[in-house]
PDB file of N, CA and C in Angstrom:
ATOM      1  N   MET A   1     127.193 -92.093 -20.032  1.00  0.00           N
ATOM      2  CA  MET A   1     126.984 -91.633 -21.470  1.00  0.00           C
ATOM      3  C   MET A   1     125.709 -90.338 -20.816  1.00  0.00           C
ATOM      4  N   ILE A   2     126.359 -89.257 -22.008  1.00  0.00           N
ATOM      5  CA  ILE A   2     125.359 -88.494 -21.467  1.00  0.00           C
ATOM      6  C   ILE A   2     124.096 -88.485 -22.881  1.00  0.00           C
ATOM      7  N   THR A   3     122.500 -87.680 -22.617  1.00  0.00           N
ATOM      8  CA  THR A   3     121.524 -88.324 -23.340  1.00  0.00           C
ATOM      9  C   THR A   3     121.421 -87.456 -24.941  1.00  0.00           C
ATOM     10  N   LYS A   4     120.849 -87.983 -25.788  1.00  0.00           N
ATOM     11  CA  LYS A   4     120.930 -87.613 -26.838  1.00  0.00           C
ATOM     12  C   LYS A   4     120.292 -85.627 -26.765  1.00  0.00           C
ATOM     13  N   ASP A   5     119.587 -85.745 -26.516  1.00  0.00           N
ATOM     14  CA  ASP A   5     119.155 -84.600 -26.122  1.00  0.00           C
ATOM     15  C   ASP A   5     119.878 -83.160 -25.068  1.00  0.00           C
ATOM     16  N   THR A   6     120.572 -83.562 -24.868  1.00  0.00           N
ATOM     17  CA  THR A   6     121.448 -82.919 -24.365  1.00  0.00           C
ATOM     18  C   THR A   6     122.966 -82.418 -25.344  1.00  0.00           C
ATOM     19  N   ALA A   7     123.438 -83.541 -25.958  1.00  0.00           N
ATOM     20  CA  ALA A   7     124.298 -83.369 -26.997  1.00  0.00           C
ATOM     21  C   ALA A   7     123.508 -82.334 -28.137  1.00  0.00           C
ATOM     22  N   VAL A   8     122.119 -82.868 -28.489  1.00  0.00           N
ATOM     23  CA  VAL A   8     121.790 -82.149 -29.267  1.00  0.00           C
ATOM     24  C   VAL A   8     121.603 -80.819 -29.290  1.00  0.00           C
ATOM     25  N   ALA A   9     121.109 -80.682 -28.137  1.00  0.00           N
ATOM     26  CA  ALA A   9     120.752 -78.857 -27.377  1.00  0.00           C
ATOM     27  C   ALA A   9     122.502 -78.083 -27.095  1.00  0.00           C
ATOM     28  N   ILE A  10     123.237 -78.903 -26.965  1.00  0.00           N
ATOM     29  CA  ILE A  10     125.038 -78.084 -27.637  1.00  0.00           C
ATOM     30  C   ILE A  10     124.991 -78.088 -28.460  1.00  0.00           C
ATOM     31  N   ALA A  11     125.007 -79.532 -29.349  1.00  0.00           N
ATOM     32  CA  ALA A  11     125.302 -78.617 -31.413  1.00  0.00           C
ATOM     33  C   ALA A  11     124.897 -77.957 -31.338  1.00  0.00           C
ATOM     34  N   TYR A  12     123.238 -77.196 -31.043  1.00  0.00           N
ATOM     35  CA  TYR A  12     122.817 -76.561 -31.975  1.00  0.00           C
ATOM     36  C   TYR A  12     123.066 -75.204 -31.437  1.00  0.00           C
ATOM     37  N   ALA A  13     123.559 -75.241 -29.970  1.00  0.00           N
ATOM     38  CA  ALA A  13     123.987 -73.677 -29.732  1.00  0.00           C
ATOM     39  C   ALA A  13     125.494 -73.730 -29.844  1.00  0.00           C
ATOM     40  N   TYR A  14     126.512 -74.542 -30.009  1.00  0.00           N
ATOM     41  CA  TYR A  14     127.273 -73.898 -31.177  1.00  0.00           C
ATOM     42  C   TYR A  14     127.298 -73.637 -32.299  1.00  0.00           C
ATOM     43  N   ARG A  15     126.235 -74.743 -33.007  1.00  0.00           N
ATOM     44  CA  ARG A  15     125.972 -74.063 -34.443  1.00  0.00           C
ATOM     45  C   ARG A  15     125.884 -72.460 -34.971  1.00  0.00           C
ATOM     46  N   GLU A  16     124.591 -72.392 -33.324  1.00  0.00           N
ATOM     47  CA  GLU A  16     124.485 -70.781 -33.428  1.00  0.00           C
ATOM     48  C   GLU A  16     125.230 -69.673 -33.382  1.00  0.00           C
ATOM     49  N   VAL A  17     126.047 -69.963 -32.445  1.00  0.00           N
ATOM     50  CA  VAL A  17     126.767 -69.112 -32.042  1.00  0.00           C
ATOM     51  C   VAL A  17     127.937 -68.861 -32.879  1.00  0.00           C
ATOM     52  N   GLU A  18     128.083 -69.885 -33.895  1.00  0.00           N
ATOM     53  CA  GLU A  18     129.146 -70.040 -35.389  1.00  0.00           C
ATOM     54  C   GLU A  18     128.664 -69.024 -36.448  1.00  0.00           C
ATOM     55  N   THR A  19     127.137 -69.172 -36.605  1.00  0.00           N
ATOM     56  CA  THR A  19     126.339 -68.699 -37.173  1.00  0.00           C
ATOM     57  C   THR A  19     126.154 -67.005 -36.755  1.00  0.00           C
ATOM     58  N   ALA A  20     126.136 -66.867 -35.965  1.00  0.00           N
ATOM     59  CA  ALA A  20     125.829 -65.507 -35.274  1.00  0.00           C
ATOM     60  C   ALA A  20     127.203 -64.718 -35.599  1.00  0.00           C
ATOM     61  N   GLU A  21     128.309 -65.385 -35.098  1.00  0.00           N
ATOM     62  CA  GLU A  21     129.408 -64.420 -34.930  1.00  0.00           C
ATOM     63  C   GLU A  21     129.969 -64.264 -36.507  1.00  0.00           C
ATOM     64  N   LYS A  22     129.868 -65.454 -37.622  1.00  0.00           N
ATOM     65  CA  LYS A  22     130.067 -64.833 -38.676  1.00  0.00           C
ATOM     66  C   LYS A  22     129.386 -63.472 -39.675  1.00  0.00           C
ATOM     67  N   LEU A  23     127.869 -63.576 -38.900  1.00  0.00           N
ATOM     68  CA  LEU A  23     127.280 -62.473 -39.466  1.00  0.00           C
ATOM     69  C   LEU A  23     127.638 -61.102 -38.643  1.00  0.00           C
ATOM     70  N   LEU A  24     127.952 -61.031 -37.444  1.00  0.00           N
ATOM     71  CA  LEU A  24     128.291 -60.568 -37.009  1.00  0.00           C
ATOM     72  C   LEU A  24     129.662 -59.703 -37.030  1.00  0.00           C
ATOM     73  N   ALA A  25     130.686 -60.607 -37.540  1.00  0.00           N
ATOM     74  CA  ALA A  25     131.526 -60.077 -37.951  1.00  0.00           C
ATOM     75  C   ALA A  25     131.049 -59.382 -39.187  1.00  0.00           C
ATOM     76  N   GLU A  26     130.621 -59.930 -40.171  1.00  0.00           N
ATOM     77  CA  GLU A  26     130.073 -59.243 -41.712  1.00  0.00           C
ATOM     78  C   GLU A  26     129.428 -57.745 -41.424  1.00  0.00           C
ATOM     79  N   ILE A  27     128.872 -57.811 -40.230  1.00  0.00           N
ATOM     80  CA  ILE A  27     128.003 -56.333 -40.591  1.00  0.00           C
ATOM     81  C   ILE A  27     129.110 -55.140 -39.307  1.00  0.00           C
ATOM     82  N   SER A  28     129.612 -55.793 -38.853  1.00  0.00           N
ATOM     83  CA  SER A  28     130.403 -54.613 -37.823  1.00  0.00           C
ATOM     84  C   SER A  28     131.386 -54.390 -38.982  1.00  0.00           C
ATOM     85  N   LYS A  29     131.741 -54.908 -39.854  1.00  0.00           N
ATOM     86  CA  LYS A  29     133.083 -54.545 -41.077  1.00  0.00           C
ATOM     87  C   LYS A  29     132.189 -53.555 -41.805  1.00  0.00           C
ATOM     88  N   GLN A  30     131.199 -53.914 -42.463  1.00  0.00           N
ATOM     89  CA  GLN A  30     130.328 -52.912 -42.940  1.00  0.00           C
ATOM     90  C   GLN A  30     130.104 -51.919 -42.324  1.00  0.00           C
ATOM     91  N   MET A  31     129.521 -51.845 -41.014  1.00  0.00           N
ATOM     92  CA  MET A  31     128.999 -50.548 -39.899  1.00  0.00           C
ATOM     93  C   MET A  31     130.409 -49.723 -39.700  1.00  0.00           C
ATOM     94  N   ASP A  32     131.531 -50.608 -38.956  1.00  0.00           N
ATOM     95  CA  ASP A  32     132.489 -50.064 -38.958  1.00  0.00           C
ATOM     96  C   ASP A  32     133.610 -49.220 -39.724  1.00  0.00           C
ATOM     97  N   GLY A  33     133.301 -49.168 -41.002  1.00  0.00           N
ATOM     98  CA  GLY A  33     133.492 -48.252 -42.212  1.00  0.00           C
ATOM     99  C   GLY A  33     132.781 -47.201 -42.658  1.00  0.00           C
ATOM    100  N   GLY A  34     131.433 -47.073 -42.165  1.00  0.00           N
ATOM    101  CA  GLY A  34     130.676 -45.937 -41.961  1.00  0.00           C
ATOM    102  C   GLY A  34     129.747 -46.382 -43.200  1.00  0.00           C
ATOM    103  N   ASN A  35     129.293 -47.751 -43.526  1.00  0.00           N
ATOM    104  CA  ASN A  35     128.264 -48.141 -44.491  1.00  0.00           C
ATOM    105  C   ASN A  35     127.252 -49.037 -43.881  1.00  0.00           C
ATOM    106  N   GLN A  36     125.778 -48.176 -44.417  1.00  0.00           N
ATOM    107  CA  GLN A  36     125.171 -49.549 -44.042  1.00  0.00           C
ATOM    108  C   GLN A  36     124.814 -50.572 -44.636  1.00  0.00           C
ATOM    109  N   PRO A  37     125.084 -51.672 -44.466  1.00  0.00           N
ATOM    110  CA  PRO A  37     125.122 -52.794 -45.701  1.00  0.00           C
ATOM    111  C   PRO A  37     124.204 -52.639 -46.548  1.00  0.00           C
ATOM    112  N   ASP A  38     124.775 -53.056 -47.923  1.00  0.00           N
ATOM    113  CA  ASP A  38     123.879 -52.996 -49.286  1.00  0.00           C
ATOM    114  C   ASP A  38     122.999 -54.191 -49.799  1.00  0.00           C
ATOM    115  N   ILE A  39     121.735 -54.567 -48.632  1.00  0.00           N
ATOM    116  CA  ILE A  39     120.804 -55.543 -48.759  1.00  0.00           C
ATOM    117  C   ILE A  39     119.530 -54.799 -49.599  1.00  0.00           C
ATOM    118  N   ARG A  40     119.545 -55.768 -50.857  1.00  0.00           N
ATOM    119  CA  ARG A  40     118.263 -54.951 -51.558  1.00  0.00           C
ATOM    120  C   ARG A  40     117.074 -56.514 -51.507  1.00  0.00           C
ATOM    121  N   ASP A  41     115.942 -56.038 -51.687  1.00  0.00           N
ATOM    122  CA  ASP A  41     114.317 -56.823 -51.746  1.00  0.00           C
ATOM    123  C   ASP A  41     114.732 -57.355 -52.991  1.00  0.00           C
ATOM    124  N   ALA A  42     113.530 -58.106 -53.439  1.00  0.00           N
ATOM    125  CA  ALA A  42     113.631 -58.899 -54.851  1.00  0.00           C
ATOM    126  C   ALA A  42     113.307 -57.887 -55.727  1.00  0.00           C
ATOM    127  N   PHE A  43     112.820 -56.322 -55.723  1.00  0.00           N
ATOM    128  CA  PHE A  43     112.555 -55.244 -56.303  1.00  0.00           C
ATOM    129  C   PHE A  43     113.730 -54.206 -56.888  1.00  0.00           C
ATOM    130  N   GLY A  44     114.727 -54.465 -55.995  1.00  0.00           N
ATOM    131  CA  GLY A  44     115.989 -53.640 -55.956  1.00  0.00           C
ATOM    132  C   GLY A  44     116.040 -52.624 -55.069  1.00  0.00           C
ATOM    133  N   ARG A  45     115.183 -52.560 -53.854  1.00  0.00           N
ATOM    134  CA  ARG A  45     114.721 -51.298 -52.966  1.00  0.00           C
ATOM    135  C   ARG A  45     115.628 -51.890 -51.936  1.00  0.00           C
ATOM    136  N   GLN A  46     116.617 -50.879 -51.114  1.00  0.00           N
ATOM    137  CA  GLN A  46     117.369 -51.182 -50.085  1.00  0.00           C
ATOM    138  C   GLN A  46     116.411 -50.612 -49.002  1.00  0.00           C
ATOM    139  N   ARG A  47     116.213 -52.209 -48.159  1.00  0.00           N
ATOM    140  CA  ARG A  47     115.408 -51.512 -47.095  1.00  0.00           C
ATOM    141  C   ARG A  47     115.961 -51.799 -45.781  1.00  0.00           C
ATOM    142  N   GLY A  48     115.748 -51.874 -44.718  1.00  0.00           N
ATOM    143  CA  GLY A  48     115.534 -52.087 -43.375  1.00  0.00           C
ATOM    144  C   GLY A  48     115.653 -53.631 -43.370  1.00  0.00           C
ATOM    145  N   LEU A  49     116.025 -54.188 -41.926  1.00  0.00           N
ATOM    146  CA  LEU A  49     116.090 -55.546 -41.330  1.00  0.00           C
ATOM    147  C   LEU A  49     114.788 -55.841 -41.295  1.00  0.00           C
ATOM    148  N   GLN A  50     114.225 -57.031 -41.539  1.00  0.00           N
ATOM    149  CA  GLN A  50     113.098 -57.968 -41.045  1.00  0.00           C
ATOM    150  C   GLN A  50     113.127 -58.932 -39.707  1.00  0.00           C
ATOM    151  N   LEU A  51     112.459 -58.807 -38.958  1.00  0.00           N
ATOM    152  CA  LEU A  51     112.160 -59.449 -37.628  1.00  0.00           C
ATOM    153  C   LEU A  51     110.965 -60.359 -37.546  1.00  0.00           C
ATOM    154  N   GLY A  52     111.049 -61.132 -37.499  1.00  0.00           N
ATOM    155  CA  GLY A  52     109.605 -61.966 -37.139  1.00  0.00           C
ATOM    156  C   GLY A  52     109.479 -62.985 -36.599  1.00  0.00           C
ATOM    157  N   ILE A  53     108.552 -63.664 -36.792  1.00  0.00           N
ATOM    158  CA  ILE A  53     108.298 -65.446 -35.943  1.00  0.00           C
ATOM    159  C   ILE A  53     107.236 -65.795 -37.070  1.00  0.00           C
ATOM    160  N   PRO A  54     107.952 -66.697 -37.748  1.00  0.00           N
ATOM    161  CA  PRO A  54     107.499 -67.405 -39.072  1.00  0.00           C
ATOM    162  C   PRO A  54     106.594 -68.823 -38.345  1.00  0.00           C
ATOM    163  N   SER A  55     105.364 -68.405 -37.821  1.00  0.00           N
ATOM    164  CA  SER A  55     104.545 -69.815 -37.392  1.00  0.00           C
ATOM    165  C   SER A  55     103.462 -69.999 -37.673  1.00  0.00           C
ATOM    166  N   GLY A  56     103.373 -69.894 -39.124  1.00  0.00           N
ATOM    167  CA  GLY A  56     102.065 -69.746 -39.789  1.00  0.00           C
ATOM    168  C   GLY A  56     101.184 -69.256 -39.869  1.00  0.00           C
ATOM    169  N   ASP A  57      99.727 -69.287 -39.506  1.00  0.00           N
ATOM    170  CA  ASP A  57      98.549 -68.034 -39.455  1.00  0.00           C
ATOM    171  C   ASP A  57      98.779 -67.298 -38.145  1.00  0.00           C
ATOM    172  N   ASN A  58      99.723 -67.677 -37.279  1.00  0.00           N
ATOM    173  CA  ASN A  58     100.326 -66.831 -36.235  1.00  0.00           C
ATOM    174  C   ASN A  58     101.352 -65.693 -35.861  1.00  0.00           C
ATOM    175  N   GLY A  59     101.994 -65.802 -37.721  1.00  0.00           N
ATOM    176  CA  GLY A  59     103.077 -65.351 -38.174  1.00  0.00           C
ATOM    177  C   GLY A  59     102.994 -64.006 -37.641  1.00  0.00           C
ATOM    178  N   HIS A  60     104.362 -63.177 -37.558  1.00  0.00           N
ATOM    179  CA  HIS A  60     104.154 -61.881 -37.255  1.00  0.00           C
ATOM    180  C   HIS A  60     105.671 -61.610 -37.823  1.00  0.00           C
ATOM    181  N   ARG A  61     105.882 -60.386 -38.226  1.00  0.00           N
ATOM    182  CA  ARG A  61     106.893 -59.686 -38.786  1.00  0.00           C
ATOM    183  C   ARG A  61     107.269 -58.398 -38.554  1.00  0.00           C
ATOM    184  N   LEU A  62     108.191 -57.595 -38.292  1.00  0.00           N
ATOM    185  CA  LEU A  62     108.224 -56.425 -38.292  1.00  0.00           C
ATOM    186  C   LEU A  62     109.114 -55.847 -39.659  1.00  0.00           C
ATOM    187  N   PHE A  63     108.713 -54.998 -40.259  1.00  0.00           N
ATOM    188  CA  PHE A  63     109.576 -54.081 -41.469  1.00  0.00           C
ATOM    189  C   PHE A  63     110.374 -53.615 -40.855  1.00  0.00           C
ATOM    190  N   ASP A  64     111.792 -52.769 -41.821  1.00  0.00           N
ATOM    191  CA  ASP A  64     112.175 -51.648 -41.978  1.00  0.00           C
ATOM    192  C   ASP A  64     112.891 -51.438 -40.192  1.00  0.00           C
ATOM    193  N   VAL A  65     113.075 -52.873 -39.499  1.00  0.00           N
ATOM    194  CA  VAL A  65     113.983 -52.200 -38.163  1.00  0.00           C
ATOM    195  C   VAL A  65     115.330 -51.763 -38.827  1.00  0.00           C
ATOM    196  N   PRO A  66     115.600 -51.016 -37.940  1.00  0.00           N
ATOM    197  CA  PRO A  66     117.112 -50.212 -38.310  1.00  0.00           C
ATOM    198  C   PRO A  66     118.226 -51.204 -37.971  1.00  0.00           C
ATOM    199  N   TRP A  67     119.270 -50.514 -39.324  1.00  0.00           N
ATOM    200  CA  TRP A  67     120.287 -51.292 -38.685  1.00  0.00           C
ATOM    201  C   TRP A  67     121.437 -50.956 -37.651  1.00  0.00           C
ATOM    202  N   THR A  68     120.984 -49.901 -36.457  1.00  0.00           N
ATOM    203  CA  THR A  68     121.922 -50.060 -35.217  1.00  0.00           C
ATOM    204  C   THR A  68     121.242 -51.070 -34.624  1.00  0.00           C
ATOM    205  N   LEU A  69     120.079 -51.566 -34.982  1.00  0.00           N
ATOM    206  CA  LEU A  69     119.957 -53.015 -33.788  1.00  0.00           C
ATOM    207  C   LEU A  69     120.432 -53.730 -34.428  1.00  0.00           C
ATOM    208  N   ALA A  70     120.783 -54.184 -35.480  1.00  0.00           N
ATOM    209  CA  ALA A  70     121.375 -55.474 -35.397  1.00  0.00           C
ATOM    210  C   ALA A  70     122.405 -55.931 -34.575  1.00  0.00           C
ATOM    211  N   ARG A  71     123.323 -55.258 -34.393  1.00  0.00           N
ATOM    212  CA  ARG A  71     124.713 -55.591 -33.939  1.00  0.00           C
ATOM    213  C   ARG A  71     124.216 -55.920 -32.149  1.00  0.00           C
ATOM    214  N   PRO A  72     123.279 -55.381 -31.314  1.00  0.00           N
ATOM    215  CA  PRO A  72     123.073 -55.652 -30.449  1.00  0.00           C
ATOM    216  C   PRO A  72     122.196 -57.154 -30.344  1.00  0.00           C
ATOM    217  N   ILE A  73     121.231 -56.871 -31.145  1.00  0.00           N
ATOM    218  CA  ILE A  73     120.516 -58.355 -30.973  1.00  0.00           C
ATOM    219  C   ILE A  73     121.456 -59.654 -30.743  1.00  0.00           C
ATOM    220  N   ILE A  74     122.430 -59.541 -32.218  1.00  0.00           N
ATOM    221  CA  ILE A  74     123.302 -60.559 -32.481  1.00  0.00           C
ATOM    222  C   ILE A  74     124.066 -60.706 -31.219  1.00  0.00           C
ATOM    223  N   GLU A  75     125.132 -60.046 -30.835  1.00  0.00           N
ATOM    224  CA  GLU A  75     125.656 -60.238 -29.275  1.00  0.00           C
ATOM    225  C   GLU A  75     124.741 -60.461 -28.129  1.00  0.00           C
ATOM    226  N   THR A  76     123.484 -60.233 -28.020  1.00  0.00           N
ATOM    227  CA  THR A  76     122.976 -60.527 -27.398  1.00  0.00           C
ATOM    228  C   THR A  76     122.516 -62.046 -27.548  1.00  0.00           C
ATOM    229  N   HIS A  77     122.654 -62.691 -28.283  1.00  0.00           N
ATOM    230  CA  HIS A  77     122.170 -63.949 -28.819  1.00  0.00           C
ATOM    231  C   HIS A  77     122.956 -64.869 -28.968  1.00  0.00           C
ATOM    232  N   ILE A  78     124.393 -64.327 -29.205  1.00  0.00           N
ATOM    233  CA  ILE A  78     125.308 -64.997 -29.048  1.00  0.00           C
ATOM    234  C   ILE A  78     125.384 -65.214 -27.586  1.00  0.00           C
ATOM    235  N   ALA A  79     125.696 -63.905 -26.584  1.00  0.00           N
ATOM    236  CA  ALA A  79     125.468 -64.367 -25.244  1.00  0.00           C
ATOM    237  C   ALA A  79     124.643 -65.342 -24.744  1.00  0.00           C
ATOM    238  N   ALA A  80     123.516 -65.511 -25.282  1.00  0.00           N
ATOM    239  CA  ALA A  80     121.978 -66.451 -24.586  1.00  0.00           C
ATOM    240  C   ALA A  80     122.560 -67.880 -25.019  1.00  0.00           C
ATOM    241  N   GLN A  81     122.903 -68.038 -26.222  1.00  0.00           N
ATOM    242  CA  GLN A  81     123.843 -69.078 -26.879  1.00  0.00           C
ATOM    243  C   GLN A  81     125.002 -69.718 -26.301  1.00  0.00           C
ATOM    244  N   ARG A  82     126.177 -68.967 -25.655  1.00  0.00           N
ATOM    245  CA  ARG A  82     126.938 -69.474 -24.855  1.00  0.00           C
ATOM    246  C   ARG A  82     126.157 -69.714 -23.244  1.00  0.00           C
ATOM    247  N   ALA A  83     125.439 -69.285 -22.632  1.00  0.00           N
ATOM    248  CA  ALA A  83     124.974 -69.591 -21.354  1.00  0.00           C
ATOM    249  C   ALA A  83     124.305 -70.888 -22.019  1.00  0.00           C
ATOM    250  N   VAL A  84     123.464 -71.100 -22.750  1.00  0.00           N
ATOM    251  CA  VAL A  84     123.015 -72.769 -23.172  1.00  0.00           C
ATOM    252  C   VAL A  84     124.046 -74.039 -23.335  1.00  0.00           C
ATOM    253  N   ILE A  85     125.249 -73.545 -23.858  1.00  0.00           N
ATOM    254  CA  ILE A  85     126.598 -74.345 -23.989  1.00  0.00           C
ATOM    255  C   ILE A  85     127.114 -74.699 -22.248  1.00  0.00           C
ATOM    256  N   ALA A  86     127.282 -73.260 -21.614  1.00  0.00           N
ATOM    257  CA  ALA A  86     127.813 -73.880 -20.209  1.00  0.00           C
ATOM    258  C   ALA A  86     126.421 -74.443 -19.797  1.00  0.00           C
ATOM    259  N   SER A  87     125.121 -74.156 -19.560  1.00  0.00           N
ATOM    260  CA  SER A  87     124.186 -74.839 -18.322  1.00  0.00           C
ATOM    261  C   SER A  87     124.401 -76.373 -19.084  1.00  0.00           C
ATOM    262  N   MET A  88     124.381 -76.626 -21.119  1.00  0.00           N
ATOM    263  CA  MET A  88     124.267 -78.075 -20.962  1.00  0.00           C
ATOM    264  C   MET A  88     125.398 -78.955 -21.034  1.00  0.00           C
ATOM    265  N   THR A  89     126.749 -78.021 -21.039  1.00  0.00           N
ATOM    266  CA  THR A  89     127.683 -78.640 -20.505  1.00  0.00           C
ATOM    267  C   THR A  89     127.812 -79.256 -18.967  1.00  0.00           C
ATOM    268  N   GLN A  90     127.365 -78.452 -18.033  1.00  0.00           N
ATOM    269  CA  GLN A  90     127.396 -78.733 -16.555  1.00  0.00           C
ATOM    270  C   GLN A  90     126.143 -80.099 -16.760  1.00  0.00           C
ATOM    271  N   LYS A  91     125.081 -80.157 -17.569  1.00  0.00           N
ATOM    272  CA  LYS A  91     123.911 -81.397 -17.327  1.00  0.00           C
ATOM    273  C   LYS A  91     124.620 -82.436 -17.677  1.00  0.00           C
ATOM    274  N   ALA A  92     125.637 -82.390 -18.776  1.00  0.00           N
ATOM    275  CA  ALA A  92     126.034 -83.233 -19.741  1.00  0.00           C
ATOM    276  C   ALA A  92     127.241 -84.125 -18.697  1.00  0.00           C
ATOM    277  N   VAL A  93     127.991 -83.178 -17.899  1.00  0.00           N
ATOM    278  CA  VAL A  93     128.850 -83.480 -16.749  1.00  0.00           C
ATOM    279  C   VAL A  93     127.803 -84.606 -15.378  1.00  0.00           C
ATOM    280  N   ILE A  94     126.636 -84.002 -15.454  1.00  0.00           N
ATOM    281  CA  ILE A  94     126.197 -84.633 -14.475  1.00  0.00           C
ATOM    282  C   ILE A  94     125.592 -85.708 -15.016  1.00  0.00           C
ATOM    283  N   GLU A  95     125.028 -86.020 -16.068  1.00  0.00           N
ATOM    284  CA  GLU A  95     124.487 -87.084 -17.151  1.00  0.00           C
ATOM    285  C   GLU A  95     125.843 -88.272 -16.820  1.00  0.00           C
ATOM    286  N   ALA A  96     126.475 -88.089 -17.248  1.00  0.00           N
ATOM    287  CA  ALA A  96     127.965 -88.954 -17.234  1.00  0.00           C
ATOM    288  C   ALA A  96     128.211 -89.168 -16.128  1.00  0.00           C
ATOM    289  N   GLY A  97     128.403 -87.944 -15.196  1.00  0.00           N
ATOM    290  CA  GLY A  97     128.922 -88.751 -13.668  1.00  0.00           C
ATOM    291  C   GLY A  97     127.429 -89.623 -13.294  1.00  0.00           C
ATOM    292  N   ALA A  98     126.549 -89.756 -13.649  1.00  0.00           N
ATOM    293  CA  ALA A  98     125.546 -90.462 -12.740  1.00  0.00           C
ATOM    294  C   ALA A  98     125.252 -91.505 -13.417  1.00  0.00           C
ATOM    295  N   VAL A  99     125.609 -92.023 -14.499  1.00  0.00           N
ATOM    296  CA  VAL A  99     125.826 -93.265 -15.301  1.00  0.00           C
ATOM    297  C   VAL A  99     127.008 -94.125 -15.062  1.00  0.00           C
ATOM    298  N   SER A 100     128.346 -93.588 -15.266  1.00  0.00           N
ATOM    299  CA  SER A 100     129.423 -94.348 -14.615  1.00  0.00           C
ATOM    300  C   SER A 100     129.254 -94.931 -12.923  1.00  0.00           C
ATOM    301  N   GLN A 101     128.541 -94.041 -11.943  1.00  0.00           N
ATOM    302  CA  GLN A 101     128.941 -94.496 -10.556  1.00  0.00           C
ATOM    303  C   GLN A 101     127.962 -95.609 -10.319  1.00  0.00           C
TER     304      GLN A 101
END
C-alpha cells in the first residue's frame, strides 16, 4: 500500500491543477477577447490582482499586480503541480512494490 502522505500529496496536486486550469480558462477567455476581467473590490473600485503570503504577523501582500502576469503565474503553477503528481506517482509505485515483496 502507498502511504497516506503520498496519497494526500497526489490528491492535493490534482485539486490544484483542476482549480488552476478552471481559473486559467476564465482569465484567458476574458483576456483573449481583449478585455481585462472586471473584478472590483468591496468599494466598487476596479483594481489589479493581489499576490500575498498570508501567514500571521509575517504576512506580505503586493497590490495592483498587473493582469498580464496572471496567465504565466497560473501556467507555472499548473506545471509545478503536474511535476508533483509525476513525482508522487513514482513514489507510490515504489511504495506499493516495497510492500508487496
